């Protein structure tokens, strides 16, 4: 991104990226075939990809999320905005209308101004309100919205998940944390179901069948598929319940069968699949345990 500084947060899908600066401005680059960059698709360059960051109209942006050919943005005033593909009601605008270019710039989602956080999946969205309520919309073919059904219908309007008012953090891959530190999931069930009995969960990151969760004390836990050793447990055996990954951790990011972790001492580590040099290590080889990336430490 050249010499530009002052970036605050970033979100990415397989084809486009969004980033918010400290001044509240929003920037986008990558594919724009469905208007997912929020900069329109008319004019000289139409819907061609953008190789450099382009500024999205408006200001006061706080957070962003990138799904499959669509984007969701949260502003500092608590308003929610959406743009891009709307095949499954991904934009939360009450319709599945998707005329090319009709949602190529940010459009406000309803009139509420008490949205607090967002989590964006492949073609579904979760959003948390300041009163602790949790909402969802988009595709529900696998019951991923947590609404108690596994219908194959689009849900184009924000719909509340249950009646609880103690949700504090969300992950787009059907995980959320409550005020008491308990972790909940509705990936294999159509309603939120508690994961284990722990009460000190802090954040969750999920990949393609593998999940990592951090506790407040810095311990990292993993479960799910493990064919490439992406759980960092020293083997390739899948786990059906949280299993601790050795070390004290501060953050974790999950890719497609590979993982990147930041330890509490500031060092970077990676593990899992390494076919495209994604682990950042001098020798390209799949790793089954966290391996330190000295060039980033």
Protein backbone atom coordinates (compact mmCIF):
# COMPACT_ATOMS: atom_id res chain seq x y z
CA UNK A 1 0.00 0.00 0.00
CA UNK A 2 2.88 2.29 -0.73
CA UNK A 3 3.82 4.89 1.86
CA UNK A 4 0.32 5.40 3.19
CA UNK A 5 0.03 5.30 7.00
CA UNK A 6 -2.72 5.59 9.58
CA UNK A 7 -4.62 2.38 8.84
CA UNK A 8 -6.95 1.13 11.59
CA UNK A 9 -8.63 -2.09 10.46
CA UNK A 10 -8.90 -4.29 7.38
CA UNK A 11 -11.19 -6.97 5.96
CA UNK A 12 -10.71 -9.25 2.97
CA UNK A 13 -12.56 -11.84 0.92
CA UNK A 14 -11.06 -14.09 -1.73
CA UNK A 15 -11.27 -11.27 -4.28
CA UNK A 16 -11.49 -7.85 -2.65
CA UNK A 17 -10.17 -5.88 0.32
CA UNK A 18 -11.51 -3.07 2.49
CA UNK A 19 -9.62 -0.93 4.97
CA UNK A 20 -10.51 1.87 7.37
CA UNK A 21 -8.05 4.61 8.28
CA UNK A 22 -7.75 6.34 11.63
CA UNK A 23 -9.49 9.38 10.15
CA UNK A 24 -12.61 7.30 9.44
CA UNK A 25 -12.14 7.11 5.68
CA UNK A 26 -12.83 3.81 3.89
CA UNK A 27 -10.71 2.42 1.06
CA UNK A 28 -11.24 -0.56 -1.24
CA UNK A 29 -9.37 -2.50 -3.91
CA UNK A 30 -9.57 -5.78 -5.85
CA UNK A 31 -12.48 -7.25 -7.83
CA UNK A 32 -15.50 -5.04 -8.43
CA UNK A 33 -17.66 -7.08 -10.80
CA UNK A 34 -20.69 -6.81 -8.46
CA UNK A 35 -19.92 -3.37 -7.10
CA UNK A 36 -18.42 -4.83 -3.90
CA UNK A 37 -15.85 -2.05 -3.65
CA UNK A 38 -18.59 0.52 -3.07
CA UNK A 39 -17.19 2.96 -5.65
CA UNK A 40 -19.81 2.37 -8.34
CA UNK A 41 -19.40 0.48 -11.60
CA UNK A 42 -20.22 3.19 -14.10
CA UNK A 43 -17.92 5.58 -15.93
CA UNK A 44 -14.60 5.05 -17.68
CA UNK A 45 -13.49 1.94 -15.81
CA UNK A 46 -16.89 0.30 -15.25
CA UNK A 47 -16.63 -2.69 -12.96
CA UNK A 48 -13.00 -3.52 -13.64
CA UNK A 49 -10.79 -4.58 -10.70
CA UNK A 50 -8.86 -1.84 -8.92
CA UNK A 51 -5.20 -2.47 -8.26
CA UNK A 52 -4.78 0.46 -5.88
CA UNK A 53 -6.91 1.55 -2.91
CA UNK A 54 -9.91 3.65 -3.96
CA UNK A 55 -11.74 5.85 -1.50
CA UNK A 56 -15.36 4.96 -0.77
CA UNK A 57 -17.70 7.92 -0.44
CA UNK A 58 -18.54 9.21 3.01
CA UNK A 59 -16.66 9.18 6.28
CA UNK A 60 -16.97 8.18 9.88
CA UNK A 61 -16.38 4.48 9.17
CA UNK A 62 -15.62 2.24 12.15
CA UNK A 63 -15.50 -1.36 10.90
CA UNK A 64 -15.94 -3.34 7.68
CA UNK A 65 -16.58 -6.91 6.57
CA UNK A 66 -16.06 -8.58 3.19
CA UNK A 67 -18.17 -11.49 1.94
CA UNK A 68 -18.47 -13.16 -1.45
CA UNK A 69 -18.87 -10.18 -3.81
CA UNK A 70 -20.48 -7.97 -1.16
CA UNK A 71 -19.44 -5.72 1.71
CA UNK A 72 -20.85 -4.47 5.01
CA UNK A 73 -19.73 -1.31 6.79
CA UNK A 74 -20.38 0.04 10.28
CA UNK A 75 -20.10 3.78 10.98
CA UNK A 76 -19.17 5.50 14.20
CA UNK A 77 -22.72 6.81 14.58
CA UNK A 78 -24.02 3.24 14.85
CA UNK A 79 -25.53 3.08 11.37
CA UNK A 80 -25.03 0.02 9.15
CA UNK A 81 -24.36 0.10 5.39
CA UNK A 82 -24.13 -2.52 2.63
CA UNK A 83 -23.14 -2.81 -1.03
CA UNK A 84 -22.38 -5.37 -3.74
CA UNK A 85 -23.99 -8.74 -4.55
CA UNK A 86 -27.45 -9.36 -3.07
CA UNK A 87 -28.42 -12.81 -4.41
CA UNK A 88 -29.18 -14.21 -0.96
CA UNK A 89 -30.33 -11.02 0.68
CA UNK A 90 -26.76 -10.54 1.88
CA UNK A 91 -27.18 -6.78 2.11
CA UNK A 92 -30.03 -6.87 4.63
CA UNK A 93 -32.11 -4.45 2.58
CA UNK A 94 -35.31 -6.52 2.63
CA UNK A 95 -34.95 -7.85 -0.91
CA UNK A 96 -32.95 -10.28 -3.03
CA UNK A 97 -33.02 -7.94 -6.02
CA UNK A 98 -29.58 -7.90 -7.64
CA UNK A 99 -29.68 -5.79 -10.79
CA UNK A 100 -26.06 -5.17 -11.78
CA UNK A 101 -24.94 -1.82 -10.41
CA UNK A 102 -28.02 -1.24 -8.26
CA UNK A 103 -26.03 -1.67 -5.03
CA UNK A 104 -22.60 -0.50 -6.15
CA UNK A 105 -22.34 2.24 -3.50
CA UNK A 106 -23.04 2.02 0.26
CA UNK A 107 -26.76 1.83 1.05
CA UNK A 108 -28.01 2.17 4.60
CA UNK A 109 -29.49 -0.94 6.25
CA UNK A 110 -32.71 0.16 7.92
CA UNK A 111 -32.80 3.19 10.20
CA UNK A 112 -31.29 1.82 13.42
CA UNK A 113 -28.30 3.66 14.90
CA UNK A 114 -27.38 1.25 17.67
CA UNK A 115 -25.30 -1.31 15.78
CA UNK A 116 -22.09 -2.20 17.61
CA UNK A 117 -20.22 -4.91 15.69
CA UNK A 118 -20.44 -6.98 12.51
CA UNK A 119 -19.32 -10.41 11.32
CA UNK A 120 -19.46 -11.28 7.62
CA UNK A 121 -19.45 -14.80 6.19
CA UNK A 122 -19.48 -16.15 2.65
CA UNK A 123 -23.04 -15.01 1.93
CA UNK A 124 -24.47 -14.28 5.36
CA UNK A 125 -24.02 -11.60 8.03
CA UNK A 126 -24.23 -11.32 11.81
CA UNK A 127 -24.49 -8.01 13.64
CA UNK A 128 -24.51 -7.08 17.30
CA UNK A 129 -26.50 -4.19 18.75
CA UNK A 130 -25.51 -2.07 21.72
CA UNK A 131 -28.27 -3.65 23.84
CA UNK A 132 -26.55 -7.05 23.51
CA UNK A 133 -28.97 -8.53 20.98
CA UNK A 134 -27.65 -10.58 18.05
CA UNK A 135 -29.03 -10.38 14.50
CA UNK A 136 -28.53 -12.29 11.25
CA UNK A 137 -29.47 -12.24 7.57
CA UNK A 138 -28.55 -13.78 4.22
CA UNK A 139 -28.24 -17.45 3.22
CA UNK A 140 -29.57 -20.03 5.69
CA UNK A 141 -29.30 -23.27 3.70
CA UNK A 142 -27.25 -24.95 6.47
CA UNK A 143 -28.95 -23.27 9.42
CA UNK A 144 -25.99 -20.92 9.74
CA UNK A 145 -28.13 -17.95 10.78
CA UNK A 146 -29.05 -19.56 14.11
CA UNK A 147 -32.74 -18.92 13.63
CA UNK A 148 -33.90 -22.44 14.46
CA UNK A 149 -34.41 -23.53 10.86
CA UNK A 150 -32.36 -25.05 8.05
CA UNK A 151 -34.51 -23.77 5.21
CA UNK A 152 -33.07 -23.05 1.80
CA UNK A 153 -34.56 -19.57 1.67
CA UNK A 154 -32.84 -16.21 1.74
CA UNK A 155 -33.45 -14.01 4.78
CA UNK A 156 -32.98 -10.49 3.38
CA UNK A 157 -33.92 -8.56 6.52
CA UNK A 158 -32.00 -8.47 9.84
CA UNK A 159 -33.66 -11.05 12.08
CA UNK A 160 -32.98 -11.39 15.79
CA UNK A 161 -31.39 -14.62 17.08
CA UNK A 162 -33.30 -15.63 20.20
CA UNK A 163 -34.11 -13.19 22.97
CA UNK A 164 -30.82 -12.98 24.89
CA UNK A 165 -29.28 -9.57 25.55
CA UNK A 166 -25.84 -10.60 26.76
CA UNK A 167 -23.90 -11.16 23.51
CA UNK A 168 -20.57 -9.29 23.41
CA UNK A 169 -18.55 -10.62 20.46
CA UNK A 170 -19.30 -12.37 17.18
CA UNK A 171 -17.52 -14.40 14.53
CA UNK A 172 -19.04 -14.77 11.06
CA UNK A 173 -18.47 -18.50 11.09
CA UNK A 174 -21.37 -19.11 13.48
CA UNK A 175 -19.60 -18.47 16.78
CA UNK A 176 -20.34 -15.84 19.42
CA UNK A 177 -19.32 -15.01 22.97
CA UNK A 178 -21.54 -13.89 25.83
CA UNK A 179 -20.88 -11.43 28.63
CA UNK A 180 -20.01 -14.24 31.05
CA UNK A 181 -17.23 -15.44 28.72
CA UNK A 182 -19.10 -18.51 27.48
CA UNK A 183 -18.69 -19.59 23.86
CA UNK A 184 -21.63 -20.54 21.64
CA UNK A 185 -21.99 -22.01 18.15
CA UNK A 186 -24.78 -22.91 15.75
CA UNK A 187 -22.73 -24.31 12.85
CA UNK A 188 -23.99 -27.89 13.19
CA UNK A 189 -27.22 -26.91 14.91
CA UNK A 190 -29.83 -24.37 13.93
CA UNK A 191 -29.88 -22.63 17.32
CA UNK A 192 -26.98 -21.37 19.47
CA UNK A 193 -25.43 -24.23 21.47
CA UNK A 194 -22.78 -23.79 24.14
CA UNK A 195 -19.24 -25.00 23.43
CA UNK A 196 -17.88 -26.72 26.54
CA UNK A 197 -18.23 -25.21 30.00
CA UNK A 198 -15.46 -22.58 30.02
CA UNK A 199 -16.17 -18.96 30.91
CA UNK A 200 -13.06 -17.10 29.84
CA UNK A 201 -13.26 -17.03 26.04
CA UNK A 202 -12.11 -13.79 24.42
CA UNK A 203 -12.20 -14.16 20.62
CA UNK A 204 -12.76 -16.73 17.87
CA UNK A 205 -11.26 -17.22 14.39
CA UNK A 206 -12.48 -19.88 11.97
CA UNK A 207 -11.17 -21.24 8.70
CA UNK A 208 -12.43 -23.94 6.35
CA UNK A 209 -13.50 -26.49 8.93
CA UNK A 210 -10.99 -25.53 11.63
CA UNK A 211 -11.58 -23.19 14.57
CA UNK A 212 -9.31 -21.35 17.01
CA UNK A 213 -10.37 -19.55 20.17
CA UNK A 214 -8.37 -17.42 22.59
CA UNK A 215 -9.03 -17.24 26.31
CA UNK A 216 -8.46 -14.12 28.39
CA UNK A 217 -5.29 -15.57 29.91
CA UNK A 218 -3.63 -15.99 26.51
CA UNK A 219 -4.16 -19.70 25.99
CA UNK A 220 -5.10 -20.81 22.46
CA UNK A 221 -7.48 -23.66 21.74
CA UNK A 222 -8.21 -25.44 18.46
CA UNK A 223 -10.65 -27.97 17.01
CA UNK A 224 -12.01 -29.20 13.68
CA UNK A 225 -10.33 -30.67 10.60
CA UNK A 226 -6.58 -31.17 10.77
CA UNK A 227 -5.46 -32.87 7.56
CA UNK A 228 -2.51 -30.50 7.10
CA UNK A 229 -1.64 -30.11 10.77
CA UNK A 230 -3.36 -26.71 10.76
CA UNK A 231 -4.47 -27.10 14.39
CA UNK A 232 -0.83 -26.90 15.49
CA UNK A 233 -1.09 -29.96 17.74
CA UNK A 234 1.72 -32.01 16.19
CA UNK A 235 -0.47 -34.49 14.32
CA UNK A 236 -3.15 -34.66 11.64
CA UNK A 237 -5.96 -35.98 13.78
CA UNK A 238 -9.23 -34.02 13.76
CA UNK A 239 -10.56 -32.73 17.08
CA UNK A 240 -14.22 -32.52 18.06
CA UNK A 241 -13.62 -30.40 21.17
CA UNK A 242 -11.25 -27.51 22.05
CA UNK A 243 -7.66 -28.73 22.49
CA UNK A 244 -4.92 -26.43 23.75
CA UNK A 245 -2.13 -25.23 21.45
CA UNK A 246 1.11 -24.78 23.41
CA UNK A 247 2.26 -21.22 24.17
CA UNK A 248 0.90 -17.86 25.28
CA UNK A 249 -0.92 -16.07 22.47
CA UNK A 250 -2.28 -12.60 21.71
CA UNK A 251 -3.90 -13.00 18.26
CA UNK A 252 -4.56 -15.64 15.63
CA UNK A 253 -5.56 -15.56 11.95
CA UNK A 254 -6.82 -18.56 9.98
CA UNK A 255 -6.39 -19.30 6.28
CA UNK A 256 -7.25 -22.29 4.10
CA UNK A 257 -5.57 -25.14 6.03
CA UNK A 258 -2.91 -22.84 7.54
CA UNK A 259 -2.68 -20.58 10.58
CA UNK A 260 -0.77 -17.48 11.68
CA UNK A 261 -0.35 -16.59 15.33
CA UNK A 262 1.06 -13.65 17.31
CA UNK A 263 2.40 -14.54 20.73
CA UNK A 264 2.09 -12.31 23.78
CA UNK A 265 5.85 -11.66 23.59
CA UNK A 266 5.48 -10.10 20.12
CA UNK A 267 6.84 -12.98 18.03
CA UNK A 268 5.07 -14.34 14.93
CA UNK A 269 4.45 -18.04 14.30
CA UNK A 270 2.82 -20.10 11.54
CA UNK A 271 1.77 -23.70 10.91
CA UNK A 272 -0.24 -25.92 8.56
CA UNK A 273 -0.22 -26.13 4.75
CA UNK A 274 2.63 -24.37 2.95
CA UNK A 275 2.18 -25.13 -0.76
CA UNK A 276 2.20 -21.44 -1.74
CA UNK A 277 4.81 -20.17 0.75
CA UNK A 278 2.00 -18.74 2.88
CA UNK A 279 3.76 -19.64 6.14
CA UNK A 280 6.51 -17.07 5.56
CA UNK A 281 9.24 -19.58 6.33
CA UNK A 282 12.54 -20.05 4.42
CA UNK A 283 11.83 -23.70 3.61
CA UNK A 284 8.49 -24.54 1.98
CA UNK A 285 7.14 -27.45 4.01
CA UNK A 286 3.92 -28.25 5.82
CA UNK A 287 4.28 -27.69 9.58
CA UNK A 288 2.26 -29.52 12.22
CA UNK A 289 3.33 -27.30 15.12
CA UNK A 290 3.76 -23.51 15.47
CA UNK A 291 7.06 -22.45 13.84
CA UNK A 292 8.57 -19.02 14.44
CA UNK A 293 8.79 -16.55 11.55
CA UNK A 294 12.03 -14.77 12.42
CA UNK A 295 11.69 -12.21 9.61
CA UNK A 296 8.58 -10.82 11.33
CA UNK A 297 9.81 -10.98 14.92
